[in-house]
C-alpha atoms as a PDB file:
ATOM      1  CA  MET A   1       8.294  17.858  16.389  1.00  0.00           C
ATOM      2  CA  GLN A   2       8.433  14.306  16.141  1.00  0.00           C
ATOM      3  CA  THR A   3      10.688  11.997  14.289  1.00  0.00           C
ATOM      4  CA  SER A   4       9.113   9.511  11.847  1.00  0.00           C
ATOM      5  CA  LYS A   5      10.307   7.795   9.134  1.00  0.00           C
ATOM      6  CA  ILE A   6       8.386   6.558   5.843  1.00  0.00           C
ATOM      7  CA  VAL A   7       7.576   2.821   5.354  1.00  0.00           C
ATOM      8  CA  GLU A   8       6.935   1.665   1.669  1.00  0.00           C
ATOM      9  CA  VAL A   9       6.594  -1.657   0.027  1.00  0.00           C
ATOM     10  CA  ASP A  10       7.667  -1.736  -3.735  1.00  0.00           C
ATOM     11  CA  GLY A  11       7.688   1.503  -4.029  1.00  0.00           C
ATOM     12  CA  VAL A  12       3.989   2.286  -2.456  1.00  0.00           C
ATOM     13  CA  PHE A  13       3.552   4.291   0.823  1.00  0.00           C
ATOM     14  CA  ILE A  14       2.343   2.546   3.142  1.00  0.00           C
ATOM     15  CA  GLY A  15       2.434   4.461   6.187  1.00  0.00           C
ATOM     16  CA  ALA A  16       4.771   5.801   9.114  1.00  0.00           C
ATOM     17  CA  ALA A  17       7.072   4.828  11.910  1.00  0.00           C
ATOM     18  CA  VAL A  18       7.057   7.757  14.495  1.00  0.00           C
ATOM     19  CA  LEU A  19       9.504   7.596  17.438  1.00  0.00           C
ATOM     20  CA  LEU A  20       7.750   7.805  20.750  1.00  0.00           C
ATOM     21  CA  PRO A  21       9.157  10.397  23.594  1.00  0.00           C
ATOM     22  CA  GLU A  22      11.819   8.783  26.015  1.00  0.00           C
ATOM     23  CA  ALA A  23      13.257   5.997  24.367  1.00  0.00           C
ATOM     24  CA  GLN A  24       9.577   3.935  24.341  1.00  0.00           C
ATOM     25  CA  GLY A  25       9.984   2.980  20.938  1.00  0.00           C
ATOM     26  CA  TRP A  26       8.187   3.678  17.320  1.00  0.00           C
ATOM     27  CA  ARG A  27       4.535   3.371  16.941  1.00  0.00           C
ATOM     28  CA  PHE A  28       3.294   2.349  12.829  1.00  0.00           C
ATOM     29  CA  VAL A  29       0.658   4.829  11.701  1.00  0.00           C
ATOM     30  CA  ALA A  30      -1.049   3.385   8.373  1.00  0.00           C
ATOM     31  CA  ALA A  31      -1.633   5.302   5.471  1.00  0.00           C
ATOM     32  CA  ASP A  32      -2.807   2.445   3.298  1.00  0.00           C
ATOM     33  CA  HIS A  33      -5.628  -0.430   3.854  1.00  0.00           C
ATOM     34  CA  ARG A  34      -3.875  -3.081   3.441  1.00  0.00           C
ATOM     35  CA  ALA A  35      -1.498  -2.316   6.234  1.00  0.00           C
ATOM     36  CA  ASP A  36      -4.471  -1.024   8.709  1.00  0.00           C
ATOM     37  CA  SER A  37      -3.630  -4.398  10.921  1.00  0.00           C
ATOM     38  CA  ALA A  38      -0.473  -3.181  12.066  1.00  0.00           C
ATOM     39  CA  ASP A  39      -2.098   0.670  12.731  1.00  0.00           C
ATOM     40  CA  GLY A  40      -1.007   1.790  16.609  1.00  0.00           C
ATOM     41  CA  ARG A  41       1.337  -1.375  17.107  1.00  0.00           C
ATOM     42  CA  THR A  42       4.497  -0.142  18.484  1.00  0.00           C
ATOM     43  CA  ALA A  43       7.834  -1.621  18.236  1.00  0.00           C
ATOM     44  CA  PRO A  44      11.121  -1.619  20.173  1.00  0.00           C
ATOM     45  CA  THR A  45      13.903  -0.305  17.399  1.00  0.00           C
ATOM     46  CA  LEU A  46      12.383   1.426  14.034  1.00  0.00           C
ATOM     47  CA  HIS A  47      13.457  -1.920  11.694  1.00  0.00           C
ATOM     48  CA  ASP A  48      10.794  -3.908  13.976  1.00  0.00           C
ATOM     49  CA  ALA A  49       7.960  -1.469  13.307  1.00  0.00           C
ATOM     50  CA  GLN A  50       8.853  -1.692   9.467  1.00  0.00           C
ATOM     51  CA  GLN A  51       8.842  -5.332   9.837  1.00  0.00           C
ATOM     52  CA  LEU A  52       5.559  -5.564  11.476  1.00  0.00           C
ATOM     53  CA  ALA A  53       3.844  -3.115   8.791  1.00  0.00           C
ATOM     54  CA  LYS A  54       5.325  -4.995   5.716  1.00  0.00           C
ATOM     55  CA  ARG A  55       3.951  -8.252   7.539  1.00  0.00           C
ATOM     56  CA  ALA A  56       0.581  -6.763   8.110  1.00  0.00           C
ATOM     57  CA  TYR A  57       0.450  -5.061   4.400  1.00  0.00           C
ATOM     58  CA  PHE A  58       1.470  -8.763   2.134  1.00  0.00           C
ATOM     59  CA  THR A  59      -0.864 -10.760   4.825  1.00  0.00           C
ATOM     60  CA  SER A  60      -3.793  -8.753   4.335  1.00  0.00           C
ATOM     61  CA  ARG A  61      -6.736 -10.356   2.270  1.00  0.00           C
ATOM     62  CA  GLY A  62      -7.032  -6.943   0.405  1.00  0.00           C
ATOM     63  CA  ARG A  63      -3.905  -7.719  -1.074  1.00  0.00           C
ATOM     64  CA  ALA A  64      -5.309 -10.343  -3.364  1.00  0.00           C
ATOM     65  CA  LEU A  65      -7.743  -7.968  -5.603  1.00  0.00           C
ATOM     66  CA  ALA A  66      -9.178  -8.635  -9.074  1.00  0.00           C
ATOM     67  CA  PRO A  67      -6.812  -8.613 -11.780  1.00  0.00           C
ATOM     68  CA  CYS A  68      -7.176  -5.101 -14.036  1.00  0.00           C
ATOM     69  CA  ARG A  69      -7.225  -4.887 -18.187  1.00  0.00           C
ATOM     70  CA  VAL A  70      -7.385  -2.911 -21.049  1.00  0.00           C
ATOM     71  CA  GLY A  71     -10.615  -3.260 -23.060  1.00  0.00           C
ATOM     72  CA  PRO A  72     -10.282  -4.484 -26.570  1.00  0.00           C
ATOM     73  CA  GLY A  73      -9.101  -2.681 -29.164  1.00  0.00           C
ATOM     74  CA  TRP A  74      -6.195  -1.405 -28.601  1.00  0.00           C
ATOM     75  CA  GLU A  75      -3.519  -4.144 -29.423  1.00  0.00           C
ATOM     76  CA  GLY A  76      -0.477  -2.878 -31.592  1.00  0.00           C
ATOM     77  CA  LYS A  77      -1.545   0.596 -30.955  1.00  0.00           C
ATOM     78  CA  GLY A  78       0.669   2.066 -28.736  1.00  0.00           C
ATOM     79  CA  THR A  79       0.225   2.921 -25.068  1.00  0.00           C
ATOM     80  CA  PRO A  80      -3.067   1.284 -24.112  1.00  0.00           C
ATOM     81  CA  PRO A  81      -5.750   3.517 -22.108  1.00  0.00           C
ATOM     82  CA  PRO A  82      -5.902   3.576 -18.775  1.00  0.00           C
ATOM     83  CA  THR A  83      -7.581   1.447 -16.131  1.00  0.00           C
ATOM     84  CA  ILE A  84      -9.369   1.537 -12.676  1.00  0.00           C
ATOM     85  CA  GLY A  85     -10.922  -0.767 -10.807  1.00  0.00           C
ATOM     86  CA  PRO A  86     -11.779  -4.678 -11.661  1.00  0.00           C
ATOM     87  CA  VAL A  87     -11.685  -6.100 -14.820  1.00  0.00           C
ATOM     88  CA  GLY A  88     -13.511  -4.431 -17.176  1.00  0.00           C
ATOM     89  CA  ASN A  89     -13.775  -0.897 -15.865  1.00  0.00           C
ATOM     90  CA  SER A  90     -12.121   1.046 -17.926  1.00  0.00           C
ATOM     91  CA  LEU A  91     -11.896   4.662 -18.325  1.00  0.00           C
ATOM     92  CA  ASP A  92     -12.304   5.748 -21.694  1.00  0.00           C
ATOM     93  CA  GLY A  93     -15.932   4.062 -21.764  1.00  0.00           C
ATOM     94  CA  ALA A  94     -14.407   0.537 -23.939  1.00  0.00           C
ATOM     95  CA  PRO A  95     -16.198  -2.351 -22.343  1.00  0.00           C
ATOM     96  CA  GLY A  96     -14.414  -4.936 -20.339  1.00  0.00           C
END
């Protein structure tokens, strides 16, 4: 079995660094589309592999998505309903 380490950014799993055989370094395997540019890249150390993955994640154009918000009507009524996608796509059917 190969040795691997989870790579996270702010608690988000973005992929894994896999130790290559015969001390060839570490290969990053992306699990998040925002880190795809680093997928398959190798680095000499675990730290270097984690850094290249994080750099790819933060420089990805997909990181700057449209903000999400909750539809009107929940203010002051406890926990807001869940939302998904861009502004106005509320799971509860409320207009955006």
